[in-house]
Structure formats: C-alpha cells, structure tokens
Amino acid sequence: MEEPALPITIHRSIIGLLVIVIRGLLVFGLLLALAYWLKAQNPADTLPLAILGLMSVVVILVTIVQVVVYDLATLTLREQGIAVSNWATLFVSKEAVADWDQIEDITVEQSGPIAGLLGIGTILVQTAGTQTNFRLTWVPRVKYWRDFIDQRS
C-alpha cells in the first residue's frame, strides 16, 4: 500500500459524533416524554411545561456545541512533525507541536471489543524533554496511524 503524502489531517471518527447526537436526542426525548406526562396529569399547570421546554432548547444547543467542538479536534502530520489541536470549548483550544525526532513513543488504547472491531481508539504520542504529550480520542484506523507515525519518528 502506498504511503499518503503529507500533510495529513486526521479527524475524529464519525462514530463518536453519532454517540454525541444520539445521547442528545435521548435526553431531548426524555424531556418531551416528561412534558407530555405532566400535561396529561395537570393540563392547567403550564409552568413545568415551560421549564421543560427551556431545558429541551438548552439540551439541543449543548448537543450542537458538543458536535462542533468534537469535530474541531485534529491530528496533523506534517513534513516537519506532528501537531494536535484539542478543543475544550468553542473558545478554548490546546495546541501542541513536535518535530519527528522529538517523538519517543506512540501508544494506542482501544477500550472494548466494539472499538477494536471498528478500529477506533485513543492515540497518545509521548515526546522528549519538557514538551507536552499529545492525546487524541476517537481516532479512526488508530493502529494504522500509530504505525505511520512510528515509521516517521
């Protein structure tokens, strides 16, 4: 198999994105079911329905923000080295860069049989000296990328 040309940007797996969306939809559905139940119990009391409606809007907004933040995290393989961009919120990111010769060890973590079957996992790149280690979760084809980085370093 031919080695891909650099630079390469690796995004997180679509599976993690689906987990976030499904989790948000489940909470949203639970709030709607609770609102329906409360309406059936006491049709005249609208305050709990208004509160649940507001909570539902907040759940949808939080889910959208989580999807965007999840998608912003990347691992970039460049000619000079490697760069990781992890986002904690829409406004806070953590960037780390290292040259190929500064990489000491690449570790892959796959928790559970489904992650192993799908090839999804966490990649941890340990660097020399005082530089921070790189960590990116929900990486697709994680073992392939570990071997690719290991060959270059």
N, C-alpha and C. Protein backbone atom coordinates (compact mmCIF):
# COMPACT_ATOMS: atom_id res chain seq x y z
N MET A 1 0.85 -1.18 0.00
CA MET A 1 0.00 0.00 0.00
C MET A 1 0.88 1.24 0.00
N GLU A 2 0.53 2.20 -0.83
CA GLU A 2 1.33 3.41 -0.97
C GLU A 2 1.09 4.36 0.20
N GLU A 3 2.18 4.95 0.67
CA GLU A 3 2.11 5.86 1.81
C GLU A 3 1.50 7.19 1.35
N PRO A 4 0.55 7.74 2.11
CA PRO A 4 -0.07 9.00 1.72
C PRO A 4 0.91 10.17 1.85
N ALA A 5 0.69 11.19 1.05
CA ALA A 5 1.56 12.37 1.04
C ALA A 5 1.19 13.31 2.19
N LEU A 6 2.20 13.92 2.77
CA LEU A 6 2.00 14.88 3.85
C LEU A 6 1.71 16.25 3.25
N PRO A 7 0.98 17.10 3.91
CA PRO A 7 0.38 16.98 5.24
C PRO A 7 -0.91 16.17 5.22
N ILE A 8 -1.17 15.51 6.33
CA ILE A 8 -2.37 14.71 6.52
C ILE A 8 -3.06 15.21 7.78
N THR A 9 -4.33 15.50 7.67
CA THR A 9 -5.11 15.91 8.83
C THR A 9 -6.06 14.78 9.18
N ILE A 10 -5.95 14.29 10.41
CA ILE A 10 -6.78 13.19 10.88
C ILE A 10 -7.85 13.76 11.80
N HIS A 11 -9.09 13.55 11.44
CA HIS A 11 -10.21 13.99 12.26
C HIS A 11 -10.71 12.82 13.09
N ARG A 12 -11.46 13.13 14.10
CA ARG A 12 -12.05 12.08 14.94
C ARG A 12 -13.07 11.28 14.14
N SER A 13 -13.39 10.10 14.65
CA SER A 13 -14.29 9.18 13.97
C SER A 13 -15.74 9.69 13.97
N ILE A 14 -16.45 9.36 12.92
CA ILE A 14 -17.87 9.69 12.80
C ILE A 14 -18.69 8.95 13.86
N ILE A 15 -18.18 7.83 14.35
CA ILE A 15 -18.89 7.06 15.38
C ILE A 15 -19.06 7.89 16.66
N GLY A 16 -18.02 8.58 17.07
CA GLY A 16 -18.11 9.44 18.25
C GLY A 16 -19.12 10.55 18.06
N LEU A 17 -19.17 11.07 16.86
CA LEU A 17 -20.14 12.12 16.53
C LEU A 17 -21.57 11.57 16.66
N LEU A 18 -21.77 10.37 16.18
CA LEU A 18 -23.08 9.74 16.30
C LEU A 18 -23.46 9.50 17.76
N VAL A 19 -22.49 9.13 18.59
CA VAL A 19 -22.75 8.92 20.01
C VAL A 19 -23.23 10.22 20.66
N ILE A 20 -22.58 11.32 20.34
CA ILE A 20 -22.98 12.62 20.89
C ILE A 20 -24.40 12.98 20.46
N VAL A 21 -24.71 12.81 19.19
CA VAL A 21 -26.04 13.16 18.68
C VAL A 21 -27.11 12.26 19.28
N ILE A 22 -26.85 10.97 19.35
CA ILE A 22 -27.84 10.04 19.92
C ILE A 22 -28.07 10.35 21.39
N ARG A 23 -27.00 10.63 22.13
CA ARG A 23 -27.15 10.98 23.55
C ARG A 23 -28.00 12.24 23.71
N GLY A 24 -27.76 13.26 22.88
CA GLY A 24 -28.56 14.48 22.94
C GLY A 24 -30.02 14.24 22.60
N LEU A 25 -30.25 13.42 21.59
CA LEU A 25 -31.63 13.11 21.20
C LEU A 25 -32.36 12.30 22.27
N LEU A 26 -31.64 11.40 22.95
CA LEU A 26 -32.26 10.63 24.03
C LEU A 26 -32.69 11.54 25.19
N VAL A 27 -31.83 12.47 25.57
CA VAL A 27 -32.19 13.39 26.66
C VAL A 27 -33.34 14.29 26.22
N PHE A 28 -33.29 14.76 24.98
CA PHE A 28 -34.37 15.58 24.44
C PHE A 28 -35.69 14.82 24.45
N GLY A 29 -35.66 13.56 24.01
CA GLY A 29 -36.86 12.72 24.01
C GLY A 29 -37.40 12.46 25.40
N LEU A 30 -36.50 12.27 26.35
CA LEU A 30 -36.91 12.07 27.74
C LEU A 30 -37.62 13.32 28.28
N LEU A 31 -37.08 14.48 27.97
CA LEU A 31 -37.72 15.73 28.41
C LEU A 31 -39.09 15.91 27.76
N LEU A 32 -39.21 15.56 26.49
CA LEU A 32 -40.51 15.67 25.82
C LEU A 32 -41.52 14.69 26.40
N ALA A 33 -41.08 13.48 26.70
CA ALA A 33 -41.98 12.49 27.31
C ALA A 33 -42.43 12.95 28.70
N LEU A 34 -41.52 13.53 29.45
CA LEU A 34 -41.87 14.05 30.77
C LEU A 34 -42.86 15.21 30.65
N ALA A 35 -42.67 16.07 29.65
CA ALA A 35 -43.60 17.18 29.42
C ALA A 35 -44.99 16.65 29.04
N TYR A 36 -45.04 15.64 28.19
CA TYR A 36 -46.31 15.04 27.79
C TYR A 36 -47.01 14.43 29.01
N TRP A 37 -46.26 13.74 29.85
CA TRP A 37 -46.82 13.13 31.05
C TRP A 37 -47.35 14.18 32.01
N LEU A 38 -46.58 15.25 32.21
CA LEU A 38 -47.02 16.33 33.10
C LEU A 38 -48.27 17.01 32.57
N LYS A 39 -48.33 17.20 31.27
CA LYS A 39 -49.51 17.83 30.65
C LYS A 39 -50.74 16.95 30.86
N ALA A 40 -50.57 15.63 30.78
CA ALA A 40 -51.70 14.71 30.99
C ALA A 40 -52.14 14.71 32.46
N GLN A 41 -51.21 14.92 33.39
CA GLN A 41 -51.54 14.92 34.81
C GLN A 41 -52.31 16.16 35.23
N ASN A 42 -51.87 17.33 34.73
CA ASN A 42 -52.48 18.59 35.12
C ASN A 42 -52.43 19.56 33.94
N PRO A 43 -53.43 19.55 33.07
CA PRO A 43 -53.40 20.38 31.86
C PRO A 43 -53.36 21.88 32.14
N ALA A 44 -53.80 22.32 33.29
CA ALA A 44 -53.85 23.75 33.57
C ALA A 44 -52.50 24.32 33.99
N ASP A 45 -51.60 23.50 34.51
CA ASP A 45 -50.32 23.98 35.01
C ASP A 45 -49.30 24.04 33.86
N THR A 46 -48.97 25.23 33.42
CA THR A 46 -48.07 25.40 32.27
C THR A 46 -46.63 25.70 32.68
N LEU A 47 -46.38 26.04 33.93
CA LEU A 47 -45.01 26.37 34.35
C LEU A 47 -44.04 25.21 34.17
N PRO A 48 -44.39 23.99 34.61
CA PRO A 48 -43.45 22.87 34.37
C PRO A 48 -43.20 22.62 32.89
N LEU A 49 -44.21 22.83 32.07
CA LEU A 49 -44.03 22.65 30.62
C LEU A 49 -43.08 23.69 30.06
N ALA A 50 -43.20 24.92 30.54
CA ALA A 50 -42.31 25.98 30.08
C ALA A 50 -40.87 25.69 30.49
N ILE A 51 -40.69 25.22 31.72
CA ILE A 51 -39.35 24.88 32.19
C ILE A 51 -38.77 23.72 31.38
N LEU A 52 -39.57 22.69 31.13
CA LEU A 52 -39.10 21.57 30.32
C LEU A 52 -38.81 21.99 28.88
N GLY A 53 -39.60 22.90 28.36
CA GLY A 53 -39.35 23.42 27.02
C GLY A 53 -38.01 24.15 26.96
N LEU A 54 -37.74 24.97 27.97
CA LEU A 54 -36.46 25.67 28.04
C LEU A 54 -35.31 24.68 28.18
N MET A 55 -35.50 23.68 29.02
CA MET A 55 -34.47 22.66 29.18
C MET A 55 -34.21 21.91 27.87
N SER A 56 -35.26 21.66 27.11
CA SER A 56 -35.12 20.99 25.82
C SER A 56 -34.29 21.82 24.85
N VAL A 57 -34.54 23.11 24.83
CA VAL A 57 -33.76 24.01 23.96
C VAL A 57 -32.29 24.00 24.38
N VAL A 58 -32.04 24.03 25.69
CA VAL A 58 -30.67 24.00 26.20
C VAL A 58 -29.98 22.69 25.80
N VAL A 59 -30.69 21.59 25.89
CA VAL A 59 -30.11 20.28 25.50
C VAL A 59 -29.72 20.29 24.02
N ILE A 60 -30.57 20.81 23.18
CA ILE A 60 -30.27 20.88 21.74
C ILE A 60 -29.06 21.77 21.48
N LEU A 61 -29.00 22.93 22.13
CA LEU A 61 -27.86 23.84 21.95
C LEU A 61 -26.56 23.22 22.45
N VAL A 62 -26.60 22.56 23.60
CA VAL A 62 -25.40 21.91 24.13
C VAL A 62 -24.94 20.79 23.19
N THR A 63 -25.87 20.04 22.64
CA THR A 63 -25.52 18.97 21.70
C THR A 63 -24.86 19.55 20.45
N ILE A 64 -25.38 20.65 19.94
CA ILE A 64 -24.78 21.28 18.76
C ILE A 64 -23.37 21.75 19.06
N VAL A 65 -23.17 22.37 20.21
CA VAL A 65 -21.83 22.83 20.60
C VAL A 65 -20.88 21.65 20.75
N GLN A 66 -21.34 20.56 21.36
CA GLN A 66 -20.51 19.37 21.51
C GLN A 66 -20.10 18.79 20.16
N VAL A 67 -21.01 18.79 19.21
CA VAL A 67 -20.70 18.29 17.87
C VAL A 67 -19.62 19.15 17.22
N VAL A 68 -19.75 20.47 17.32
CA VAL A 68 -18.77 21.38 16.72
C VAL A 68 -17.41 21.21 17.39
N VAL A 69 -17.37 21.18 18.71
CA VAL A 69 -16.11 21.04 19.44
C VAL A 69 -15.46 19.69 19.13
N TYR A 70 -16.25 18.65 19.06
CA TYR A 70 -15.75 17.32 18.73
C TYR A 70 -15.07 17.33 17.36
N ASP A 71 -15.71 17.99 16.40
CA ASP A 71 -15.20 18.00 15.04
C ASP A 71 -13.97 18.89 14.87
N LEU A 72 -13.74 19.83 15.76
CA LEU A 72 -12.59 20.73 15.64
C LEU A 72 -11.27 20.05 16.01
N ALA A 73 -11.31 19.01 16.81
CA ALA A 73 -10.08 18.34 17.24
C ALA A 73 -9.45 17.59 16.07
N THR A 74 -8.14 17.82 15.87
CA THR A 74 -7.43 17.19 14.76
C THR A 74 -6.03 16.78 15.17
N LEU A 75 -5.50 15.83 14.41
CA LEU A 75 -4.11 15.42 14.50
C LEU A 75 -3.54 15.62 13.10
N THR A 76 -2.54 16.49 12.97
CA THR A 76 -1.98 16.82 11.67
C THR A 76 -0.55 16.31 11.57
N LEU A 77 -0.30 15.53 10.56
CA LEU A 77 1.04 15.02 10.27
C LEU A 77 1.63 15.87 9.16
N ARG A 78 2.73 16.56 9.46
CA ARG A 78 3.36 17.47 8.52
C ARG A 78 4.76 16.98 8.18
N GLU A 79 5.40 17.62 7.21
CA GLU A 79 6.78 17.27 6.87
C GLU A 79 7.71 17.49 8.05
N GLN A 80 7.47 18.54 8.83
CA GLN A 80 8.34 18.88 9.96
C GLN A 80 8.06 18.03 11.20
N GLY A 81 6.83 17.58 11.35
CA GLY A 81 6.48 16.83 12.55
C GLY A 81 4.98 16.64 12.67
N ILE A 82 4.53 16.70 13.91
CA ILE A 82 3.14 16.39 14.22
C ILE A 82 2.54 17.54 15.03
N ALA A 83 1.26 17.78 14.83
CA ALA A 83 0.55 18.82 15.57
C ALA A 83 -0.82 18.28 15.98
N VAL A 84 -1.20 18.57 17.22
CA VAL A 84 -2.50 18.15 17.73
C VAL A 84 -3.25 19.39 18.18
N SER A 85 -4.50 19.45 17.81
CA SER A 85 -5.37 20.54 18.22
C SER A 85 -6.57 19.93 18.94
N ASN A 86 -6.64 20.15 20.25
CA ASN A 86 -7.76 19.66 21.06
C ASN A 86 -8.55 20.86 21.56
N TRP A 87 -9.84 20.80 21.42
CA TRP A 87 -10.72 21.88 21.85
C TRP A 87 -11.51 21.45 23.08
N ALA A 88 -11.49 22.29 24.13
CA ALA A 88 -12.27 22.02 25.33
C ALA A 88 -13.66 22.63 25.21
N THR A 89 -13.72 23.83 24.63
CA THR A 89 -14.98 24.53 24.37
C THR A 89 -14.85 25.22 23.02
N LEU A 90 -15.85 25.98 22.65
CA LEU A 90 -15.76 26.73 21.39
C LEU A 90 -14.66 27.79 21.44
N PHE A 91 -14.27 28.20 22.62
CA PHE A 91 -13.34 29.31 22.75
C PHE A 91 -11.98 28.94 23.32
N VAL A 92 -11.83 27.71 23.78
CA VAL A 92 -10.58 27.28 24.41
C VAL A 92 -10.04 26.06 23.68
N SER A 93 -8.82 26.20 23.15
CA SER A 93 -8.19 25.06 22.49
C SER A 93 -6.79 24.88 23.06
N LYS A 94 -6.29 23.67 22.90
CA LYS A 94 -4.94 23.34 23.33
C LYS A 94 -4.19 22.82 22.11
N GLU A 95 -3.15 23.52 21.74
CA GLU A 95 -2.36 23.16 20.58
C GLU A 95 -1.01 22.61 21.05
N ALA A 96 -0.52 21.59 20.38
CA ALA A 96 0.80 21.03 20.69
C ALA A 96 1.47 20.63 19.38
N VAL A 97 2.77 20.94 19.29
CA VAL A 97 3.54 20.65 18.08
C VAL A 97 4.86 20.02 18.49
N ALA A 98 5.32 19.03 17.71
CA ALA A 98 6.62 18.41 17.95
C ALA A 98 7.21 17.96 16.61
N ASP A 99 8.52 18.04 16.52
CA ASP A 99 9.22 17.52 15.35
C ASP A 99 9.26 16.00 15.42
N TRP A 100 9.52 15.36 14.28
CA TRP A 100 9.53 13.90 14.22
C TRP A 100 10.58 13.32 15.16
N ASP A 101 11.74 13.98 15.26
CA ASP A 101 12.81 13.43 16.10
C ASP A 101 12.55 13.62 17.60
N GLN A 102 11.55 14.38 17.98
CA GLN A 102 11.20 14.58 19.39
C GLN A 102 10.21 13.52 19.89
N ILE A 103 9.66 12.74 19.00
CA ILE A 103 8.68 11.71 19.38
C ILE A 103 9.41 10.49 19.90
N GLU A 104 9.06 10.10 21.13
CA GLU A 104 9.70 8.94 21.76
C GLU A 104 8.86 7.67 21.68
N ASP A 105 7.56 7.79 21.89
CA ASP A 105 6.72 6.60 21.95
C ASP A 105 5.31 6.95 21.48
N ILE A 106 4.68 6.00 20.82
CA ILE A 106 3.29 6.14 20.39
C ILE A 106 2.51 4.99 21.01
N THR A 107 1.48 5.34 21.77
CA THR A 107 0.66 4.33 22.43
C THR A 107 -0.76 4.42 21.91
N VAL A 108 -1.38 3.26 21.73
CA VAL A 108 -2.75 3.17 21.27
C VAL A 108 -3.58 2.50 22.35
N GLU A 109 -4.73 3.08 22.64
CA GLU A 109 -5.67 2.48 23.59
C GLU A 109 -6.99 2.24 22.89
N GLN A 110 -7.47 1.00 22.96
CA GLN A 110 -8.78 0.66 22.44
C GLN A 110 -9.54 -0.04 23.55
N SER A 111 -10.59 0.61 24.02
CA SER A 111 -11.33 0.02 25.13
C SER A 111 -12.60 -0.64 24.61
N GLY A 112 -12.66 -1.93 24.82
CA GLY A 112 -13.85 -2.69 24.44
C GLY A 112 -13.73 -3.35 23.09
N PRO A 113 -14.53 -4.39 22.89
CA PRO A 113 -14.47 -5.14 21.64
C PRO A 113 -15.02 -4.36 20.44
N ILE A 114 -15.98 -3.48 20.68
CA ILE A 114 -16.56 -2.71 19.56
C ILE A 114 -15.53 -1.74 19.02
N ALA A 115 -14.79 -1.07 19.91
CA ALA A 115 -13.74 -0.14 19.47
C ALA A 115 -12.67 -0.89 18.69
N GLY A 116 -12.31 -2.07 19.16
CA GLY A 116 -11.32 -2.87 18.45
C GLY A 116 -11.82 -3.32 17.09
N LEU A 117 -13.08 -3.70 17.02
CA LEU A 117 -13.68 -4.15 15.77
C LEU A 117 -13.76 -3.01 14.75
N LEU A 118 -14.09 -1.80 15.23
CA LEU A 118 -14.22 -0.65 14.34
C LEU A 118 -12.90 0.05 14.09
N GLY A 119 -11.85 -0.31 14.84
CA GLY A 119 -10.55 0.32 14.66
C GLY A 119 -10.46 1.72 15.24
N ILE A 120 -11.30 2.01 16.21
CA ILE A 120 -11.34 3.34 16.82
C ILE A 120 -10.62 3.27 18.16
N GLY A 121 -9.88 4.33 18.49
CA GLY A 121 -9.19 4.34 19.76
C GLY A 121 -8.57 5.69 20.07
N THR A 122 -7.77 5.69 21.11
CA THR A 122 -7.05 6.88 21.54
C THR A 122 -5.59 6.73 21.17
N ILE A 123 -5.02 7.78 20.62
CA ILE A 123 -3.60 7.75 20.30
C ILE A 123 -2.89 8.73 21.23
N LEU A 124 -1.82 8.25 21.86
CA LEU A 124 -1.03 9.06 22.77
C LEU A 124 0.39 9.09 22.23
N VAL A 125 0.88 10.29 21.93
CA VAL A 125 2.23 10.48 21.42
C VAL A 125 3.06 11.10 22.53
N GLN A 126 4.07 10.37 22.98
CA GLN A 126 4.94 10.87 24.04
C GLN A 126 6.19 11.49 23.42
N THR A 127 6.50 12.70 23.87
CA THR A 127 7.61 13.44 23.29
C THR A 127 8.77 13.54 24.27
N ALA A 128 9.93 13.88 23.74
CA ALA A 128 11.13 14.02 24.55
C ALA A 128 11.13 15.35 25.30
N GLY A 129 11.82 15.37 26.41
CA GLY A 129 12.02 16.61 27.14
C GLY A 129 10.79 17.08 27.88
N THR A 130 10.64 18.40 27.92
CA THR A 130 9.57 19.02 28.71
C THR A 130 8.32 19.28 27.89
N GLN A 131 8.31 18.89 26.63
CA GLN A 131 7.13 19.11 25.82
C GLN A 131 5.96 18.26 26.33
N THR A 132 4.77 18.75 26.06
CA THR A 132 3.59 18.01 26.49
C THR A 132 3.35 16.82 25.57
N ASN A 133 2.75 15.80 26.12
CA ASN A 133 2.37 14.64 25.32
C ASN A 133 1.08 14.95 24.57
N PHE A 134 0.90 14.31 23.44
CA PHE A 134 -0.27 14.53 22.60
C PHE A 134 -1.26 13.42 22.84
N ARG A 135 -2.53 13.77 22.88
CA ARG A 135 -3.58 12.76 23.08
C ARG A 135 -4.78 13.17 22.24
N LEU A 136 -5.26 12.24 21.44
CA LEU A 136 -6.47 12.46 20.67
C LEU A 136 -7.32 11.20 20.76
N THR A 137 -8.59 11.39 21.12
CA THR A 137 -9.51 10.27 21.29
C THR A 137 -10.36 10.09 20.03
N TRP A 138 -11.00 8.92 19.94
CA TRP A 138 -11.91 8.57 18.84
C TRP A 138 -11.21 8.68 17.47
N VAL A 139 -9.98 8.23 17.40
CA VAL A 139 -9.23 8.27 16.14
C VAL A 139 -9.59 7.03 15.33
N PRO A 140 -10.00 7.21 14.07
CA PRO A 140 -10.27 6.04 13.22
C PRO A 140 -8.95 5.43 12.73
N ARG A 141 -8.95 4.14 12.47
CA ARG A 141 -7.76 3.43 11.98
C ARG A 141 -6.55 3.73 12.86
N VAL A 142 -6.75 3.64 14.16
CA VAL A 142 -5.75 4.09 15.12
C VAL A 142 -4.44 3.31 15.02
N LYS A 143 -4.51 2.03 14.75
CA LYS A 143 -3.28 1.24 14.65
C LYS A 143 -2.50 1.59 13.39
N TYR A 144 -3.20 1.88 12.32
CA TYR A 144 -2.53 2.31 11.08
C TYR A 144 -1.78 3.61 11.32
N TRP A 145 -2.43 4.57 11.97
CA TRP A 145 -1.79 5.87 12.21
C TRP A 145 -0.64 5.73 13.21
N ARG A 146 -0.77 4.83 14.18
CA ARG A 146 0.34 4.58 15.10
C ARG A 146 1.56 4.09 14.32
N ASP A 147 1.37 3.13 13.43
CA ASP A 147 2.48 2.58 12.65
C ASP A 147 3.05 3.65 11.71
N PHE A 148 2.20 4.47 11.13
CA PHE A 148 2.64 5.52 10.23
C PHE A 148 3.53 6.52 10.98
N ILE A 149 3.09 6.95 12.16
CA ILE A 149 3.87 7.90 12.95
C ILE A 149 5.16 7.24 13.43
N ASP A 150 5.09 5.99 13.82
CA ASP A 150 6.26 5.27 14.31
C ASP A 150 7.33 5.16 13.22
N GLN A 151 6.94 4.95 11.98
CA GLN A 151 7.90 4.86 10.88
C GLN A 151 8.61 6.18 10.64
N ARG A 152 7.89 7.28 10.83
CA ARG A 152 8.47 8.60 10.57
C ARG A 152 9.36 9.09 11.70
N SER A 153 9.06 8.65 12.93
CA SER A 153 9.81 9.19 14.08
C SER A 153 11.09 8.42 14.36
